[in-house]
Amino acid sequence: EGRQLLDGGRIADRVDACNRAKRRLKACFSPLLPRVKPGYNLIFIARSTALTAPFLSMQRSMIGALQRAGVYQETATSEVQQP
């Protein structure tokens, strides 16, 4: 099922690029996770630039998206003082 190209090598290249982009997104997001408000499901969509963009640039973009969504906290969740 799903879309397939006629050239098997192109399928493998595309899958490899998708997996690499997914790994890069996870690596960028992991340090940000403690600052994300709990109780949200987040979806990041990787563009082709996710394969070559500098790590810090990707992370800044993620922070900006999280701030616009209102789910990014300046203080990590584990650091928030409970009354």
N, C-alpha and C. Protein backbone atom coordinates (compact mmCIF):
# COMPACT_ATOMS: atom_id res chain seq x y z
N GLU A 1 0.83 -1.18 0.00
CA GLU A 1 0.00 0.00 0.00
C GLU A 1 0.88 1.25 0.00
N GLY A 2 0.24 2.38 -0.14
CA GLY A 2 0.98 3.63 -0.15
C GLY A 2 1.57 3.92 -1.51
N ARG A 3 2.24 5.03 -1.61
CA ARG A 3 2.84 5.42 -2.89
C ARG A 3 4.20 4.75 -3.05
N GLN A 4 4.46 4.29 -4.22
CA GLN A 4 5.76 3.70 -4.50
C GLN A 4 6.26 4.23 -5.84
N LEU A 5 7.55 4.45 -5.87
CA LEU A 5 8.18 4.86 -7.14
C LEU A 5 8.65 3.61 -7.87
N LEU A 6 8.84 3.73 -9.15
CA LEU A 6 9.28 2.57 -9.93
C LEU A 6 10.70 2.17 -9.61
N ASP A 7 11.53 3.12 -9.27
CA ASP A 7 12.94 2.85 -8.99
C ASP A 7 13.11 2.53 -7.52
N GLY A 8 13.47 1.29 -7.19
CA GLY A 8 13.64 0.86 -5.80
C GLY A 8 14.69 1.66 -5.06
N GLY A 9 15.73 2.09 -5.75
CA GLY A 9 16.78 2.89 -5.12
C GLY A 9 16.25 4.24 -4.66
N ARG A 10 15.35 4.80 -5.44
CA ARG A 10 14.77 6.09 -5.06
C ARG A 10 13.88 5.94 -3.82
N ILE A 11 13.20 4.80 -3.71
CA ILE A 11 12.39 4.55 -2.52
C ILE A 11 13.30 4.49 -1.30
N ALA A 12 14.38 3.74 -1.40
CA ALA A 12 15.31 3.60 -0.29
C ALA A 12 15.92 4.95 0.09
N ASP A 13 16.28 5.76 -0.90
CA ASP A 13 16.84 7.08 -0.63
C ASP A 13 15.83 7.96 0.11
N ARG A 14 14.59 7.88 -0.33
CA ARG A 14 13.54 8.69 0.29
C ARG A 14 13.28 8.25 1.73
N VAL A 15 13.24 6.95 1.95
CA VAL A 15 13.03 6.42 3.30
C VAL A 15 14.19 6.82 4.20
N ASP A 16 15.40 6.72 3.69
CA ASP A 16 16.58 7.09 4.46
C ASP A 16 16.53 8.57 4.84
N ALA A 17 16.14 9.43 3.91
CA ALA A 17 16.05 10.86 4.18
C ALA A 17 14.96 11.14 5.22
N CYS A 18 13.83 10.45 5.12
CA CYS A 18 12.76 10.64 6.11
C CYS A 18 13.22 10.22 7.50
N ASN A 19 13.88 9.09 7.58
CA ASN A 19 14.38 8.61 8.87
C ASN A 19 15.42 9.56 9.46
N ARG A 20 16.30 10.07 8.61
CA ARG A 20 17.32 11.01 9.07
C ARG A 20 16.67 12.30 9.59
N ALA A 21 15.69 12.80 8.87
CA ALA A 21 14.98 14.01 9.30
C ALA A 21 14.27 13.77 10.63
N LYS A 22 13.66 12.61 10.77
CA LYS A 22 12.96 12.27 12.01
C LYS A 22 13.94 12.22 13.19
N ARG A 23 15.11 11.62 12.98
CA ARG A 23 16.13 11.56 14.04
C ARG A 23 16.61 12.95 14.42
N ARG A 24 16.80 13.82 13.43
CA ARG A 24 17.25 15.19 13.71
C ARG A 24 16.19 15.96 14.49
N LEU A 25 14.92 15.80 14.12
CA LEU A 25 13.84 16.47 14.85
C LEU A 25 13.79 16.00 16.31
N LYS A 26 13.91 14.70 16.51
CA LYS A 26 13.90 14.16 17.88
C LYS A 26 15.07 14.69 18.68
N ALA A 27 16.24 14.75 18.07
CA ALA A 27 17.44 15.25 18.77
C ALA A 27 17.28 16.73 19.14
N CYS A 28 16.65 17.51 18.28
CA CYS A 28 16.42 18.93 18.57
C CYS A 28 15.37 19.11 19.66
N PHE A 29 14.35 18.26 19.64
CA PHE A 29 13.23 18.43 20.56
C PHE A 29 13.51 17.90 21.96
N SER A 30 14.30 16.86 22.09
CA SER A 30 14.54 16.22 23.39
C SER A 30 14.94 17.20 24.48
N PRO A 31 15.90 18.12 24.26
CA PRO A 31 16.27 19.05 25.33
C PRO A 31 15.17 20.07 25.64
N LEU A 32 14.22 20.26 24.74
CA LEU A 32 13.14 21.22 24.94
C LEU A 32 11.97 20.61 25.71
N LEU A 33 11.88 19.31 25.73
CA LEU A 33 10.72 18.63 26.31
C LEU A 33 10.39 19.07 27.74
N PRO A 34 11.37 19.25 28.64
CA PRO A 34 11.02 19.68 29.99
C PRO A 34 10.34 21.05 30.05
N ARG A 35 10.47 21.84 29.01
CA ARG A 35 9.87 23.18 28.99
C ARG A 35 8.51 23.23 28.28
N VAL A 36 8.05 22.09 27.80
CA VAL A 36 6.76 22.03 27.12
C VAL A 36 5.69 21.69 28.14
N LYS A 37 4.61 22.47 28.12
CA LYS A 37 3.50 22.22 29.05
C LYS A 37 2.97 20.81 28.82
N PRO A 38 2.70 20.09 29.91
CA PRO A 38 2.18 18.73 29.75
C PRO A 38 0.74 18.72 29.23
N GLY A 39 0.36 17.60 28.65
CA GLY A 39 -1.01 17.41 28.21
C GLY A 39 -1.27 17.77 26.76
N TYR A 40 -0.23 17.95 25.96
CA TYR A 40 -0.40 18.32 24.55
C TYR A 40 0.21 17.25 23.66
N ASN A 41 -0.41 17.03 22.52
CA ASN A 41 0.17 16.22 21.46
C ASN A 41 0.72 17.17 20.42
N LEU A 42 1.99 17.03 20.11
CA LEU A 42 2.65 17.94 19.18
C LEU A 42 3.04 17.19 17.91
N ILE A 43 2.92 17.88 16.79
CA ILE A 43 3.35 17.32 15.50
C ILE A 43 4.26 18.33 14.84
N PHE A 44 5.46 17.90 14.49
CA PHE A 44 6.39 18.72 13.73
C PHE A 44 6.48 18.11 12.34
N ILE A 45 6.39 18.95 11.34
CA ILE A 45 6.50 18.50 9.95
C ILE A 45 7.84 18.94 9.41
N ALA A 46 8.65 17.98 9.02
CA ALA A 46 10.00 18.28 8.53
C ALA A 46 9.94 18.62 7.05
N ARG A 47 10.59 19.67 6.70
CA ARG A 47 10.79 20.04 5.29
C ARG A 47 12.16 19.52 4.87
N SER A 48 12.46 19.61 3.61
CA SER A 48 13.74 19.08 3.11
C SER A 48 14.94 19.78 3.77
N THR A 49 14.76 21.02 4.21
CA THR A 49 15.88 21.72 4.86
C THR A 49 16.23 21.12 6.21
N ALA A 50 15.36 20.29 6.77
CA ALA A 50 15.65 19.64 8.05
C ALA A 50 16.86 18.70 7.94
N LEU A 51 17.19 18.31 6.73
CA LEU A 51 18.34 17.42 6.54
C LEU A 51 19.67 18.16 6.60
N THR A 52 19.66 19.47 6.34
CA THR A 52 20.92 20.20 6.25
C THR A 52 21.00 21.41 7.17
N ALA A 53 19.89 21.80 7.77
CA ALA A 53 19.87 23.01 8.61
C ALA A 53 20.73 22.80 9.86
N PRO A 54 21.40 23.86 10.32
CA PRO A 54 22.17 23.74 11.55
C PRO A 54 21.24 23.40 12.73
N PHE A 55 21.77 22.59 13.63
CA PHE A 55 21.01 22.11 14.79
C PHE A 55 20.37 23.27 15.56
N LEU A 56 21.16 24.30 15.88
CA LEU A 56 20.63 25.42 16.68
C LEU A 56 19.55 26.19 15.93
N SER A 57 19.67 26.28 14.62
CA SER A 57 18.64 26.94 13.82
C SER A 57 17.33 26.16 13.90
N MET A 58 17.41 24.85 13.80
CA MET A 58 16.21 24.02 13.91
C MET A 58 15.59 24.16 15.30
N GLN A 59 16.45 24.17 16.31
CA GLN A 59 15.94 24.28 17.68
C GLN A 59 15.26 25.63 17.91
N ARG A 60 15.85 26.70 17.38
CA ARG A 60 15.21 28.03 17.50
C ARG A 60 13.86 28.05 16.80
N SER A 61 13.77 27.41 15.65
CA SER A 61 12.50 27.33 14.94
C SER A 61 11.46 26.56 15.75
N MET A 62 11.89 25.48 16.38
CA MET A 62 10.98 24.71 17.23
C MET A 62 10.49 25.54 18.42
N ILE A 63 11.41 26.25 19.06
CA ILE A 63 11.04 27.08 20.21
C ILE A 63 10.03 28.13 19.76
N GLY A 64 10.27 28.76 18.63
CA GLY A 64 9.34 29.75 18.12
C GLY A 64 7.96 29.17 17.86
N ALA A 65 7.91 27.97 17.27
CA ALA A 65 6.62 27.32 17.00
C ALA A 65 5.91 26.98 18.31
N LEU A 66 6.68 26.49 19.27
CA LEU A 66 6.08 26.14 20.57
C LEU A 66 5.57 27.39 21.30
N GLN A 67 6.31 28.49 21.20
CA GLN A 67 5.86 29.74 21.82
C GLN A 67 4.59 30.25 21.15
N ARG A 68 4.54 30.21 19.83
CA ARG A 68 3.33 30.65 19.12
C ARG A 68 2.12 29.80 19.49
N ALA A 69 2.37 28.51 19.77
CA ALA A 69 1.28 27.61 20.16
C ALA A 69 0.91 27.79 21.63
N GLY A 70 1.75 28.52 22.38
CA GLY A 70 1.47 28.77 23.79
C GLY A 70 1.76 27.59 24.70
N VAL A 71 2.65 26.70 24.28
CA VAL A 71 2.96 25.52 25.09
C VAL A 71 4.40 25.50 25.61
N TYR A 72 5.17 26.55 25.32
CA TYR A 72 6.56 26.61 25.76
C TYR A 72 6.65 27.45 27.01
N GLN A 73 7.31 26.92 28.04
CA GLN A 73 7.51 27.62 29.29
C GLN A 73 8.98 28.01 29.41
N GLU A 74 9.24 29.19 29.93
CA GLU A 74 10.63 29.62 30.12
C GLU A 74 11.32 28.81 31.21
N THR A 75 10.53 28.29 32.15
CA THR A 75 11.07 27.45 33.23
C THR A 75 10.68 26.02 32.94
N ALA A 76 11.61 25.11 33.12
CA ALA A 76 11.33 23.71 32.87
C ALA A 76 10.24 23.22 33.82
N THR A 77 9.40 22.31 33.36
CA THR A 77 8.29 21.78 34.15
C THR A 77 8.79 21.23 35.48
N SER A 78 9.91 20.53 35.49
CA SER A 78 10.42 19.94 36.72
C SER A 78 10.95 21.01 37.68
N GLU A 79 11.21 22.23 37.18
CA GLU A 79 11.74 23.30 38.02
C GLU A 79 10.63 24.18 38.59
N VAL A 80 9.39 23.99 38.15
CA VAL A 80 8.29 24.83 38.61
C VAL A 80 8.00 24.49 40.07
N GLN A 81 7.92 25.53 40.90
CA GLN A 81 7.66 25.34 42.32
C GLN A 81 6.16 25.14 42.53
N GLN A 82 5.79 24.10 43.25
CA GLN A 82 4.40 23.85 43.57
C GLN A 82 4.09 24.50 44.92
N PRO A 83 2.94 25.22 45.05
CA PRO A 83 2.60 25.86 46.33
C PRO A 83 2.26 24.88 47.41
